C-alpha atoms as a PDB file:
ATOM      1  CA  MET A   1      67.501  82.237 135.461  1.00  0.00           C
ATOM      2  CA  ARG A   2      68.872  85.228 133.342  1.00  0.00           C
ATOM      3  CA  GLN A   3      66.531  87.827 132.699  1.00  0.00           C
ATOM      4  CA  VAL A   4      66.102  88.923 129.319  1.00  0.00           C
ATOM      5  CA  PRO A   5      64.755  92.517 128.420  1.00  0.00           C
ATOM      6  CA  ARG A   6      61.439  92.618 126.657  1.00  0.00           C
ATOM      7  CA  LYS A   7      62.622  95.239 124.258  1.00  0.00           C
ATOM      8  CA  LEU A   8      65.777  95.423 122.436  1.00  0.00           C
ATOM      9  CA  PRO A   9      68.142  98.159 123.573  1.00  0.00           C
ATOM     10  CA  LEU A  10      69.108  99.402 120.015  1.00  0.00           C
ATOM     11  CA  THR A  11      71.178 102.294 120.792  1.00  0.00           C
ATOM     12  CA  ALA A  12      73.110 100.451 123.409  1.00  0.00           C
ATOM     13  CA  LEU A  13      73.717  97.613 121.255  1.00  0.00           C
ATOM     14  CA  ARG A  14      74.924  99.983 118.441  1.00  0.00           C
ATOM     15  CA  THR A  15      77.208 101.732 120.944  1.00  0.00           C
ATOM     16  CA  PHE A  16      78.413  98.093 122.124  1.00  0.00           C
ATOM     17  CA  GLU A  17      79.140  97.107 118.257  1.00  0.00           C
ATOM     18  CA  VAL A  18      81.149 100.048 117.742  1.00  0.00           C
ATOM     19  CA  ALA A  19      83.281  99.747 121.147  1.00  0.00           C
ATOM     20  CA  ALA A  20      83.782  96.098 120.269  1.00  0.00           C
ATOM     21  CA  ARG A  21      84.877  96.593 116.874  1.00  0.00           C
ATOM     22  CA  ARG A  22      87.278  99.473 117.702  1.00  0.00           C
ATOM     23  CA  LEU A  23      88.127  97.950 121.295  1.00  0.00           C
ATOM     24  CA  SER A  24      88.200 101.415 122.840  1.00  0.00           C
ATOM     25  CA  PHE A  25      85.287 103.239 124.480  1.00  0.00           C
ATOM     26  CA  LYS A  26      87.092 106.672 123.448  1.00  0.00           C
ATOM     27  CA  ASP A  27      87.331 105.689 119.650  1.00  0.00           C
ATOM     28  CA  ALA A  28      83.688 104.551 119.888  1.00  0.00           C
ATOM     29  CA  ALA A  29      82.631 107.772 121.349  1.00  0.00           C
ATOM     30  CA  GLU A  30      84.148 109.824 118.668  1.00  0.00           C
ATOM     31  CA  GLU A  31      82.710 107.509 115.899  1.00  0.00           C
ATOM     32  CA  LEU A  32      79.325 108.080 117.394  1.00  0.00           C
ATOM     33  CA  CYS A  33      79.654 111.617 118.268  1.00  0.00           C
ATOM     34  CA  VAL A  34      78.912 111.035 122.161  1.00  0.00           C
ATOM     35  CA  SER A  35      81.006 111.279 125.250  1.00  0.00           C
ATOM     36  CA  ALA A  36      83.084 108.348 126.254  1.00  0.00           C
ATOM     37  CA  THR A  37      80.856 108.484 129.728  1.00  0.00           C
ATOM     38  CA  THR A  38      77.933 107.830 127.535  1.00  0.00           C
ATOM     39  CA  VAL A  39      79.573 104.802 125.827  1.00  0.00           C
ATOM     40  CA  SER A  40      80.705 103.351 129.263  1.00  0.00           C
ATOM     41  CA  ASN A  41      77.231 103.935 130.793  1.00  0.00           C
ATOM     42  CA  GLN A  42      75.358 102.388 128.008  1.00  0.00           C
ATOM     43  CA  ILE A  43      77.302  99.273 128.051  1.00  0.00           C
ATOM     44  CA  ARG A  44      77.327  98.815 131.809  1.00  0.00           C
ATOM     45  CA  GLU A  45      73.609  98.705 131.632  1.00  0.00           C
ATOM     46  CA  LEU A  46      73.754  96.048 128.942  1.00  0.00           C
ATOM     47  CA  GLU A  47      75.758  94.063 131.358  1.00  0.00           C
ATOM     48  CA  ARG A  48      73.647  94.687 134.158  1.00  0.00           C
ATOM     49  CA  ASP A  49      70.262  93.864 132.175  1.00  0.00           C
ATOM     50  CA  TRP A  50      71.831  90.999 130.903  1.00  0.00           C
ATOM     51  CA  ASN A  51      73.725  89.728 133.962  1.00  0.00           C
ATOM     52  CA  CYS A  52      76.928  89.035 132.021  1.00  0.00           C
ATOM     53  CA  LYS A  53      80.408  90.792 131.689  1.00  0.00           C
ATOM     54  CA  LEU A  54      80.895  91.932 128.056  1.00  0.00           C
ATOM     55  CA  PHE A  55      84.257  93.614 128.368  1.00  0.00           C
ATOM     56  CA  ILE A  56      87.281  93.176 130.719  1.00  0.00           C
ATOM     57  CA  ARG A  57      88.294  96.671 131.481  1.00  0.00           C
ATOM     58  CA  LYS A  58      92.073  97.326 131.951  1.00  0.00           C
ATOM     59  CA  THR A  59      93.988 100.605 132.738  1.00  0.00           C
ATOM     60  CA  ARG A  60      94.457 101.639 128.951  1.00  0.00           C
ATOM     61  CA  ALA A  61      92.201  99.254 127.008  1.00  0.00           C
ATOM     62  CA  VAL A  62      89.255  96.954 127.042  1.00  0.00           C
ATOM     63  CA  VAL A  63      89.262  93.433 125.859  1.00  0.00           C
ATOM     64  CA  LEU A  64      86.096  91.389 125.071  1.00  0.00           C
ATOM     65  CA  THR A  65      84.894  88.454 127.031  1.00  0.00           C
ATOM     66  CA  ASP A  66      83.879  85.352 125.347  1.00  0.00           C
ATOM     67  CA  GLU A  67      80.182  86.460 125.746  1.00  0.00           C
ATOM     68  CA  GLY A  68      81.094  90.156 124.381  1.00  0.00           C
ATOM     69  CA  ARG A  69      83.021  88.399 121.360  1.00  0.00           C
ATOM     70  CA  SER A  70      79.925  86.365 120.560  1.00  0.00           C
ATOM     71  CA  LEU A  71      77.663  89.112 120.671  1.00  0.00           C
ATOM     72  CA  SER A  72      80.016  91.361 118.592  1.00  0.00           C
ATOM     73  CA  LEU A  73      80.002  88.955 115.505  1.00  0.00           C
ATOM     74  CA  VAL A  74      76.334  88.661 115.762  1.00  0.00           C
ATOM     75  CA  LEU A  75      75.562  92.346 116.040  1.00  0.00           C
ATOM     76  CA  THR A  76      78.346  93.655 113.315  1.00  0.00           C
ATOM     77  CA  LYS A  77      76.592  91.155 110.940  1.00  0.00           C
ATOM     78  CA  ALA A  78      73.185  92.376 111.769  1.00  0.00           C
ATOM     79  CA  PHE A  79      74.114  96.084 111.321  1.00  0.00           C
ATOM     80  CA  ASP A  80      75.761  95.534 108.090  1.00  0.00           C
ATOM     81  CA  ASP A  81      72.834  93.510 106.845  1.00  0.00           C
ATOM     82  CA  ILE A  82      70.715  96.541 107.991  1.00  0.00           C
ATOM     83  CA  ARG A  83      72.789  99.109 106.286  1.00  0.00           C
ATOM     84  CA  THR A  84      72.962  97.173 102.921  1.00  0.00           C
ATOM     85  CA  GLN A  85      69.137  96.997 102.822  1.00  0.00           C
ATOM     86  CA  ILE A  86      68.747 100.645 103.506  1.00  0.00           C
ATOM     87  CA  GLU A  87      71.316 101.126 100.612  1.00  0.00           C
ATOM     88  CA  VAL A  88      69.515  98.922  98.188  1.00  0.00           C
ATOM     89  CA  HIS A  89      65.857 100.117  98.987  1.00  0.00           C
ATOM     90  CA  GLY A  90      66.690 103.885  99.518  1.00  0.00           C
ATOM     91  CA  GLN A  91      64.489 106.707  97.886  1.00  0.00           C
ATOM     92  CA  THR A  92      67.083 107.750  95.468  1.00  0.00           C
ATOM     93  CA  THR A  93      68.795 105.835  92.937  1.00  0.00           C
ATOM     94  CA  HIS A  94      72.069 107.977  93.071  1.00  0.00           C
ATOM     95  CA  LYS A  95      74.426 107.352  95.829  1.00  0.00           C
ATOM     96  CA  THR A  96      77.301 109.648  96.801  1.00  0.00           C
ATOM     97  CA  VAL A  97      80.859 108.365  97.311  1.00  0.00           C
ATOM     98  CA  THR A  98      83.661 110.436  98.489  1.00  0.00           C
ATOM     99  CA  LEU A  99      87.435 109.971  97.412  1.00  0.00           C
ATOM    100  CA  ALA A 100      90.188 111.620  98.820  1.00  0.00           C
ATOM    101  CA  VAL A 101      93.433 111.942  96.427  1.00  0.00           C
ATOM    102  CA  GLY A 102      96.475 113.807  96.328  1.00  0.00           C
ATOM    103  CA  PRO A 103      97.345 116.380  93.572  1.00  0.00           C
ATOM    104  CA  ILE A 104      99.579 114.013  91.020  1.00  0.00           C
ATOM    105  CA  PHE A 105      97.348 111.110  91.534  1.00  0.00           C
ATOM    106  CA  GLY A 106      94.166 113.000  91.025  1.00  0.00           C
ATOM    107  CA  THR A 107      95.342 115.139  88.028  1.00  0.00           C
ATOM    108  CA  ARG A 108      97.288 112.554  86.143  1.00  0.00           C
ATOM    109  CA  TRP A 109      95.564 109.189  86.821  1.00  0.00           C
ATOM    110  CA  LEU A 110      91.903 109.866  88.080  1.00  0.00           C
ATOM    111  CA  VAL A 111      90.985 112.852  85.919  1.00  0.00           C
ATOM    112  CA  PRO A 112      91.343 111.111  82.439  1.00  0.00           C
ATOM    113  CA  ARG A 113      89.099 108.190  83.850  1.00  0.00           C
ATOM    114  CA  LEU A 114      86.159 110.133  85.099  1.00  0.00           C
ATOM    115  CA  ALA A 115      84.095 109.691  82.029  1.00  0.00           C
ATOM    116  CA  GLN A 116      84.677 106.149  81.983  1.00  0.00           C
ATOM    117  CA  PHE A 117      83.749 106.119  85.639  1.00  0.00           C
ATOM    118  CA  ARG A 118      80.359 107.757  84.779  1.00  0.00           C
ATOM    119  CA  ARG A 119      79.733 105.161  82.057  1.00  0.00           C
ATOM    120  CA  ASP A 120      80.456 102.240  84.222  1.00  0.00           C
ATOM    121  CA  LEU A 121      78.707 103.387  87.730  1.00  0.00           C
ATOM    122  CA  PRO A 122      76.077 106.072  86.393  1.00  0.00           C
ATOM    123  CA  ASN A 123      74.304 105.759  89.695  1.00  0.00           C
ATOM    124  CA  ILE A 124      77.097 106.963  91.823  1.00  0.00           C
ATOM    125  CA  ASP A 125      78.100 110.586  92.239  1.00  0.00           C
ATOM    126  CA  LEU A 126      81.796 110.630  92.980  1.00  0.00           C
ATOM    127  CA  ILE A 127      82.833 113.608  95.142  1.00  0.00           C
ATOM    128  CA  VAL A 128      86.866 113.915  94.761  1.00  0.00           C
ATOM    129  CA  CYS A 129      88.463 115.900  97.750  1.00  0.00           C
ATOM    130  CA  ASP A 130      92.080 116.934  98.360  1.00  0.00           C
ATOM    131  CA  SER A 131      93.750 114.176 100.774  1.00  0.00           C
ATOM    132  CA  PRO A 132      95.772 114.926 103.752  1.00  0.00           C
ATOM    133  CA  ARG A 133      98.450 112.368 104.666  1.00  0.00           C
ATOM    134  CA  ILE A 134      96.598 109.666 106.364  1.00  0.00           C
ATOM    135  CA  THR A 135      97.972 107.622 109.502  1.00  0.00           C
ATOM    136  CA  ASP A 136      95.115 105.688 110.743  1.00  0.00           C
ATOM    137  CA  ALA A 137      91.186 105.333 110.411  1.00  0.00           C
ATOM    138  CA  VAL A 138      90.718 108.407 112.694  1.00  0.00           C
ATOM    139  CA  MET A 139      92.065 110.629 109.996  1.00  0.00           C
ATOM    140  CA  MET A 140      89.875 109.165 107.047  1.00  0.00           C
ATOM    141  CA  SER A 141      87.069 111.892 106.567  1.00  0.00           C
ATOM    142  CA  THR A 142      86.014 110.531 103.262  1.00  0.00           C
ATOM    143  CA  HIS A 143      84.603 106.830 102.385  1.00  0.00           C
ATOM    144  CA  LEU A 144      87.750 106.234 100.421  1.00  0.00           C
ATOM    145  CA  ALA A 145      91.244 107.500  99.918  1.00  0.00           C
ATOM    146  CA  VAL A 146      94.571 107.148  97.973  1.00  0.00           C
ATOM    147  CA  ASP A 147      97.520 107.558  99.787  1.00  0.00           C
ATOM    148  CA  TRP A 148     101.303 107.004  99.492  1.00  0.00           C
ATOM    149  CA  GLY A 149     102.954 104.573 101.808  1.00  0.00           C
ATOM    150  CA  ASP A 150     104.196 101.021 102.634  1.00  0.00           C
ATOM    151  CA  GLY A 151     100.734  99.261 103.185  1.00  0.00           C
ATOM    152  CA  ASN A 152     100.345  99.673 107.030  1.00  0.00           C
ATOM    153  CA  TRP A 153      97.614 101.567 108.128  1.00  0.00           C
ATOM    154  CA  SER A 154      96.058 101.365 111.372  1.00  0.00           C
ATOM    155  CA  ALA A 155      92.531  99.955 111.295  1.00  0.00           C
ATOM    156  CA  LEU A 156      92.058 100.551 107.757  1.00  0.00           C
ATOM    157  CA  ASP A 157      92.076  98.110 104.771  1.00  0.00           C
ATOM    158  CA  SER A 158      94.685  98.868 102.245  1.00  0.00           C
ATOM    159  CA  HIS A 159      94.721  97.795  98.421  1.00  0.00           C
ATOM    160  CA  LYS A 160      97.996  98.434  96.295  1.00  0.00           C
ATOM    161  CA  LEU A 161      96.881 100.438  93.343  1.00  0.00           C
ATOM    162  CA  LEU A 162     100.148 101.608  91.605  1.00  0.00           C
ATOM    163  CA  GLU A 163     103.853 101.067  91.893  1.00  0.00           C
ATOM    164  CA  ILE A 164     105.758 104.067  90.240  1.00  0.00           C
ATOM    165  CA  THR A 165     109.416 105.041  89.332  1.00  0.00           C
ATOM    166  CA  TYR A 166     111.402 108.053  89.192  1.00  0.00           C
ATOM    167  CA  ALA A 167     113.673 109.292  86.818  1.00  0.00           C
ATOM    168  CA  PRO A 168     115.035 112.606  85.505  1.00  0.00           C
ATOM    169  CA  VAL A 169     113.044 114.498  82.922  1.00  0.00           C
ATOM    170  CA  LEU A 170     113.439 118.060  81.295  1.00  0.00           C
ATOM    171  CA  SER A 171     112.382 120.160  78.272  1.00  0.00           C
ATOM    172  CA  ALA A 172     114.111 119.830  74.718  1.00  0.00           C
ATOM    173  CA  ALA A 173     114.916 123.857  74.996  1.00  0.00           C
ATOM    174  CA  LEU A 174     116.713 123.319  78.356  1.00  0.00           C
ATOM    175  CA  LEU A 175     118.647 120.343  77.298  1.00  0.00           C
ATOM    176  CA  ALA A 176     119.809 122.067  74.366  1.00  0.00           C
ATOM    177  CA  ASP A 177     120.590 125.278  76.214  1.00  0.00           C
ATOM    178  CA  GLY A 178     122.554 123.098  78.691  1.00  0.00           C
ATOM    179  CA  GLY A 179     124.787 121.597  76.117  1.00  0.00           C
ATOM    180  CA  GLY A 180     123.504 118.052  76.310  1.00  0.00           C
ATOM    181  CA  LEU A 181     123.668 115.249  78.911  1.00  0.00           C
ATOM    182  CA  ALA A 182     126.102 112.379  78.314  1.00  0.00           C
ATOM    183  CA  THR A 183     126.381 111.013  81.842  1.00  0.00           C
ATOM    184  CA  PRO A 184     124.432 111.794  85.034  1.00  0.00           C
ATOM    185  CA  LYS A 185     127.437 113.784  86.308  1.00  0.00           C
ATOM    186  CA  ASP A 186     126.491 116.576  83.712  1.00  0.00           C
ATOM    187  CA  LEU A 187     123.333 117.253  85.682  1.00  0.00           C
ATOM    188  CA  MET A 188     125.822 119.365  87.838  1.00  0.00           C
ATOM    189  CA  GLY A 189     125.658 122.226  85.384  1.00  0.00           C
ATOM    190  CA  TYR A 190     121.728 122.104  85.258  1.00  0.00           C
ATOM    191  CA  PRO A 191     119.184 123.706  87.558  1.00  0.00           C
ATOM    192  CA  ILE A 192     117.623 120.926  89.765  1.00  0.00           C
ATOM    193  CA  ILE A 193     114.137 120.940  91.069  1.00  0.00           C
ATOM    194  CA  HIS A 194     113.199 119.018  94.206  1.00  0.00           C
ATOM    195  CA  GLN A 195     110.003 117.740  95.522  1.00  0.00           C
ATOM    196  CA  ARG A 196     109.778 118.661  99.254  1.00  0.00           C
ATOM    197  CA  ASP A 197     113.252 118.014 100.107  1.00  0.00           C
ATOM    198  CA  HIS A 198     116.521 116.431  98.709  1.00  0.00           C
ATOM    199  CA  SER A 199     115.937 112.618  99.514  1.00  0.00           C
ATOM    200  CA  GLU A 200     114.545 111.468  96.035  1.00  0.00           C
ATOM    201  CA  TRP A 201     117.387 113.095  94.158  1.00  0.00           C
ATOM    202  CA  THR A 202     119.979 111.811  96.614  1.00  0.00           C
ATOM    203  CA  ALA A 203     118.685 108.263  96.124  1.00  0.00           C
ATOM    204  CA  TRP A 204     118.744 108.674  92.272  1.00  0.00           C
ATOM    205  CA  PHE A 205     122.289 109.844  92.198  1.00  0.00           C
ATOM    206  CA  ASN A 206     123.329 107.034  94.349  1.00  0.00           C
ATOM    207  CA  GLU A 207     121.407 104.631  91.949  1.00  0.00           C
ATOM    208  CA  ALA A 208     123.324 106.289  89.133  1.00  0.00           C
ATOM    209  CA  GLY A 209     126.678 105.709  90.979  1.00  0.00           C
ATOM    210  CA  CYS A 210     127.205 109.579  91.550  1.00  0.00           C
ATOM    211  CA  ILE A 211     127.731 109.714  95.244  1.00  0.00           C
ATOM    212  CA  ASN A 212     127.934 113.001  97.075  1.00  0.00           C
ATOM    213  CA  MET A 213     127.215 115.029  93.888  1.00  0.00           C
ATOM    214  CA  THR A 214     127.448 118.922  94.379  1.00  0.00           C
ATOM    215  CA  LEU A 215     124.505 120.838  92.652  1.00  0.00           C
ATOM    216  CA  LYS A 216     124.920 124.388  92.045  1.00  0.00           C
ATOM    217  CA  ASP A 217     121.413 125.448  91.113  1.00  0.00           C
ATOM    218  CA  GLU A 218     118.523 124.009  93.276  1.00  0.00           C
ATOM    219  CA  THR A 219     114.820 124.869  93.953  1.00  0.00           C
ATOM    220  CA  ILE A 220     112.532 123.158  96.230  1.00  0.00           C
ATOM    221  CA  ILE A 221     108.761 122.799  95.112  1.00  0.00           C
ATOM    222  CA  THR A 222     106.278 120.979  97.598  1.00  0.00           C
ATOM    223  CA  ASP A 223     103.336 120.341  94.915  1.00  0.00           C
ATOM    224  CA  SER A 224     104.040 117.544  92.339  1.00  0.00           C
ATOM    225  CA  ASN A 225     101.978 119.044  89.701  1.00  0.00           C
ATOM    226  CA  THR A 226     103.927 122.393  90.111  1.00  0.00           C
ATOM    227  CA  VAL A 227     107.321 120.357  90.001  1.00  0.00           C
ATOM    228  CA  MET A 228     106.282 118.842  86.541  1.00  0.00           C
ATOM    229  CA  GLN A 229     104.921 122.247  85.165  1.00  0.00           C
ATOM    230  CA  ALA A 230     108.147 123.817  86.121  1.00  0.00           C
ATOM    231  CA  ALA A 231     110.144 121.079  84.241  1.00  0.00           C
ATOM    232  CA  ILE A 232     107.869 121.543  81.045  1.00  0.00           C
ATOM    233  CA  GLU A 233     108.570 125.233  80.961  1.00  0.00           C
ATOM    234  CA  GLY A 234     112.198 124.492  81.134  1.00  0.00           C
ATOM    235  CA  GLN A 235     113.078 125.664  84.418  1.00  0.00           C
ATOM    236  CA  GLY A 236     115.071 122.867  85.752  1.00  0.00           C
ATOM    237  CA  VAL A 237     115.476 119.151  85.741  1.00  0.00           C
ATOM    238  CA  ALA A 238     113.088 117.185  87.861  1.00  0.00           C
ATOM    239  CA  LEU A 239     112.433 113.553  88.802  1.00  0.00           C
ATOM    240  CA  GLY A 240     109.528 112.651  86.747  1.00  0.00           C
ATOM    241  CA  ILE A 241     107.036 110.194  88.257  1.00  0.00           C
ATOM    242  CA  PHE A 242     106.320 107.249  86.037  1.00  0.00           C
ATOM    243  CA  PRO A 243     103.509 106.509  84.598  1.00  0.00           C
ATOM    244  CA  PHE A 244     102.393 109.854  85.242  1.00  0.00           C
ATOM    245  CA  VAL A 245     104.594 111.770  83.039  1.00  0.00           C
ATOM    246  CA  ALA A 246     104.730 109.154  80.184  1.00  0.00           C
ATOM    247  CA  CYS A 247     102.164 111.195  78.286  1.00  0.00           C
ATOM    248  CA  GLU A 248     104.460 114.107  78.466  1.00  0.00           C
ATOM    249  CA  LEU A 249     107.503 112.187  76.951  1.00  0.00           C
ATOM    250  CA  GLN A 250     105.011 110.860  73.985  1.00  0.00           C
ATOM    251  CA  ALA A 251     103.920 114.662  73.336  1.00  0.00           C
ATOM    252  CA  GLY A 252     107.632 115.881  73.356  1.00  0.00           C
ATOM    253  CA  ARG A 253     106.922 118.243  76.237  1.00  0.00           C
ATOM    254  CA  LEU A 254     109.785 116.361  78.133  1.00  0.00           C
ATOM    255  CA  ILE A 255     112.693 114.226  77.597  1.00  0.00           C
ATOM    256  CA  LYS A 256     114.094 111.434  79.548  1.00  0.00           C
ATOM    257  CA  PRO A 257     117.869 111.650  79.084  1.00  0.00           C
ATOM    258  CA  PHE A 258     118.918 108.476  81.056  1.00  0.00           C
ATOM    259  CA  GLU A 259     117.693 104.688  81.252  1.00  0.00           C
ATOM    260  CA  ILE A 260     118.208 104.865  85.297  1.00  0.00           C
ATOM    261  CA  ASP A 261     115.211 104.355  87.237  1.00  0.00           C
ATOM    262  CA  LEU A 262     114.593 104.636  91.101  1.00  0.00           C
ATOM    263  CA  LYS A 263     112.027 102.404  92.338  1.00  0.00           C
ATOM    264  CA  PRO A 264     110.859 103.694  95.630  1.00  0.00           C
ATOM    265  CA  SER A 265     109.885 101.248  98.618  1.00  0.00           C
ATOM    266  CA  ARG A 266     106.468 102.919  98.777  1.00  0.00           C
ATOM    267  CA  SER A 267     103.588 102.815  96.552  1.00  0.00           C
ATOM    268  CA  PHE A 268      99.974 104.329  95.981  1.00  0.00           C
ATOM    269  CA  TYR A 269      97.351 102.413  98.136  1.00  0.00           C
ATOM    270  CA  LEU A 270      93.400 102.633  97.932  1.00  0.00           C
ATOM    271  CA  LEU A 271      92.506 103.036 101.673  1.00  0.00           C
ATOM    272  CA  ALA A 272      88.931 101.891 102.852  1.00  0.00           C
ATOM    273  CA  LYS A 273      87.560 101.617 106.445  1.00  0.00           C
ATOM    274  CA  PRO A 274      86.688  97.916 107.456  1.00  0.00           C
ATOM    275  CA  ARG A 275      84.176  95.883 105.406  1.00  0.00           C
ATOM    276  CA  SER A 276      81.405  96.196 108.089  1.00  0.00           C
ATOM    277  CA  GLU A 277      81.478 100.069 107.515  1.00  0.00           C
ATOM    278  CA  ARG A 278      81.083  99.878 103.563  1.00  0.00           C
ATOM    279  CA  THR A 279      77.977 100.579 101.495  1.00  0.00           C
ATOM    280  CA  PRO A 280      77.375  98.773  98.320  1.00  0.00           C
ATOM    281  CA  ALA A 281      78.182 101.905  96.472  1.00  0.00           C
ATOM    282  CA  VAL A 282      81.549 102.156  98.193  1.00  0.00           C
ATOM    283  CA  ALA A 283      82.097  98.605  97.348  1.00  0.00           C
ATOM    284  CA  SER A 284      81.481  99.302  93.727  1.00  0.00           C
ATOM    285  CA  VAL A 285      83.828 101.899  93.619  1.00  0.00           C
ATOM    286  CA  ILE A 286      86.622 100.078  95.223  1.00  0.00           C
ATOM    287  CA  ARG A 287      86.104  97.301  92.715  1.00  0.00           C
ATOM    288  CA  TRP A 288      86.119  99.904  89.760  1.00  0.00           C
ATOM    289  CA  LEU A 289      89.629 101.531  90.759  1.00  0.00           C
ATOM    290  CA  LEU A 290      91.013  98.123  91.334  1.00  0.00           C
ATOM    291  CA  ASP A 291      89.798  97.079  87.871  1.00  0.00           C
ATOM    292  CA  GLN A 292      91.075 100.003  86.355  1.00  0.00           C
ATOM    293  CA  VAL A 293      94.554  99.524  87.627  1.00  0.00           C
ATOM    294  CA  ALA A 294      94.409  95.824  86.616  1.00  0.00           C
ATOM    295  CA  SER A 295      93.351  96.695  83.010  1.00  0.00           C
END
């Protein structure tokens, strides 16, 4: 008969739950801030005490056995329930959620909605951080992030937030100084502002039927907000990111000379860690962001 320990080894069970969810002792060690050896030893102790194999160990990976898979399902739900109850019955009514965003999304989409956020979710303190480019769950140092991509991030849930289009924009003063823009080819006589590289302008010129355009006056700026400010101040023609620059057109600070839009293959996505790692506060912020986009 299999011997069942009198006391539940909660630390080892927590270690097993993370290793089973990540299917990696190394990744589990990073999440738990312990060594991979500690993870391996705790799981071996569980297997020895319960006289059953939880993982099949391969050269570069681990795979759950049937017993391990069954235990993983139970533990993930149990720890999720515990986390939820702690969140609900915590001593403070205010919860903190961290959200990483890039400069253009933060300035032109999120900031105008912060007052509405405070009205809708008064018990959640939102901390907005600068966002690095995220490739997988290991790079997520915040609860949530908004990143630019195709919807595929390793071990992260992604929700499409916003599709954009590109189109040339410039100030009225620069348009007058340059003598007007009758066709896209007339842009050869204007200073052009690129963001990061030439790829987006090249794609727009191709969309407009202007292959291999030769530009005489070009500037590359990495920050998207700086690109827009340079265009507003008449420093050149930039590819405006719509809908982010729509208010600049309405106010007359920028002009869109052509009705030729470039739709990129990528979009803005909301990134979140798996459902089992979310608190009710994080879930509320996710719902709020998706509702804002829908409305």
